[in-house]
C-alpha atoms as a PDB file:
ATOM      1  CA  MET A   1      19.445 -12.394  83.704  1.00  0.00           C
ATOM      2  CA  LYS A   2      17.844 -10.649  86.694  1.00  0.00           C
ATOM      3  CA  GLU A   3      16.375 -13.944  87.857  1.00  0.00           C
ATOM      4  CA  LEU A   4      19.786 -15.602  87.694  1.00  0.00           C
ATOM      5  CA  ILE A   5      21.431 -12.825  89.713  1.00  0.00           C
ATOM      6  CA  ASN A   6      18.629 -12.861  92.297  1.00  0.00           C
ATOM      7  CA  SER A   7      18.920 -16.642  92.565  1.00  0.00           C
ATOM      8  CA  LEU A   8      22.683 -16.413  93.116  1.00  0.00           C
ATOM      9  CA  ILE A   9      22.227 -13.719  95.778  1.00  0.00           C
ATOM     10  CA  LYS A  10      19.657 -15.905  97.575  1.00  0.00           C
ATOM     11  CA  SER A  11      22.190 -18.754  97.438  1.00  0.00           C
ATOM     12  CA  GLY A  12      24.706 -16.635  99.334  1.00  0.00           C
ATOM     13  CA  TYR A  13      26.839 -15.148  96.583  1.00  0.00           C
ATOM     14  CA  LYS A  14      27.810 -11.477  96.812  1.00  0.00           C
ATOM     15  CA  LEU A  15      27.684  -9.070  93.856  1.00  0.00           C
ATOM     16  CA  PRO A  16      31.478  -8.830  93.380  1.00  0.00           C
ATOM     17  CA  GLU A  17      31.631 -12.624  93.246  1.00  0.00           C
ATOM     18  CA  ILE A  18      28.814 -12.770  90.703  1.00  0.00           C
ATOM     19  CA  TYR A  19      30.349 -10.115  88.471  1.00  0.00           C
ATOM     20  CA  GLY A  20      33.690 -11.926  88.639  1.00  0.00           C
ATOM     21  CA  MET A  21      32.197 -15.180  87.353  1.00  0.00           C
ATOM     22  CA  THR A  22      32.974 -16.387  83.881  1.00  0.00           C
ATOM     23  CA  LEU A  23      30.372 -17.736  81.498  1.00  0.00           C
ATOM     24  CA  ALA A  24      31.648 -21.256  82.237  1.00  0.00           C
ATOM     25  CA  ASP A  25      30.955 -20.722  85.955  1.00  0.00           C
ATOM     26  CA  ILE A  26      27.409 -19.599  85.240  1.00  0.00           C
ATOM     27  CA  ASP A  27      26.800 -22.515  82.850  1.00  0.00           C
ATOM     28  CA  PHE A  28      28.023 -24.906  85.542  1.00  0.00           C
ATOM     29  CA  LEU A  29      25.698 -23.408  88.172  1.00  0.00           C
ATOM     30  CA  ILE A  30      22.737 -23.675  85.789  1.00  0.00           C
ATOM     31  CA  GLU A  31      23.603 -27.293  85.035  1.00  0.00           C
ATOM     32  CA  VAL A  32      23.846 -28.124  88.743  1.00  0.00           C
ATOM     33  CA  SER A  33      20.501 -26.480  89.463  1.00  0.00           C
ATOM     34  CA  ASN A  34      18.888 -28.501  86.655  1.00  0.00           C
ATOM     35  CA  VAL A  35      20.290 -31.739  88.105  1.00  0.00           C
ATOM     36  CA  GLU A  36      18.977 -30.831  91.571  1.00  0.00           C
ATOM     37  CA  ALA A  37      15.544 -30.118  90.097  1.00  0.00           C
ATOM     38  CA  THR A  38      15.388 -33.546  88.449  1.00  0.00           C
ATOM     39  CA  LYS A  39      16.514 -35.249  91.669  1.00  0.00           C
ATOM     40  CA  GLU A  40      13.622 -33.620  93.512  1.00  0.00           C
ATOM     41  CA  GLU A  41      11.222 -34.966  90.907  1.00  0.00           C
ATOM     42  CA  GLU A  42      12.583 -38.497  91.316  1.00  0.00           C
ATOM     43  CA  LEU A  43      11.778 -38.699  95.032  1.00  0.00           C
ATOM     44  CA  VAL A  44       8.953 -41.131  95.695  1.00  0.00           C
ATOM     45  CA  THR A  45       7.364 -41.930  99.036  1.00  0.00           C
ATOM     46  CA  LEU A  46       6.937 -45.511 100.179  1.00  0.00           C
ATOM     47  CA  ASP A  47       3.178 -45.434  99.790  1.00  0.00           C
ATOM     48  CA  GLN A  48       3.638 -44.361  96.159  1.00  0.00           C
ATOM     49  CA  ALA A  49       6.257 -47.023  95.463  1.00  0.00           C
ATOM     50  CA  PHE A  50       4.434 -49.847  97.258  1.00  0.00           C
ATOM     51  CA  PRO A  51       0.719 -49.041  97.364  1.00  0.00           C
ATOM     52  CA  PHE A  52      -0.188 -52.642  98.229  1.00  0.00           C
ATOM     53  CA  LEU A  53       1.582 -52.317 101.596  1.00  0.00           C
ATOM     54  CA  PHE A  54      -0.454 -49.349 102.781  1.00  0.00           C
END
């Protein structure tokens, strides 16, 4: 839970906002962060995608 709160603070949320969140809000933020993490993994450079060109 500490990691989640620290992550939210680093993202710009203030403590009163965090404590006012519902469980649905927190679940949504976790889901969004998981989607962003998978998008970062999907990024491929051109030399990786087309090694025969380089």
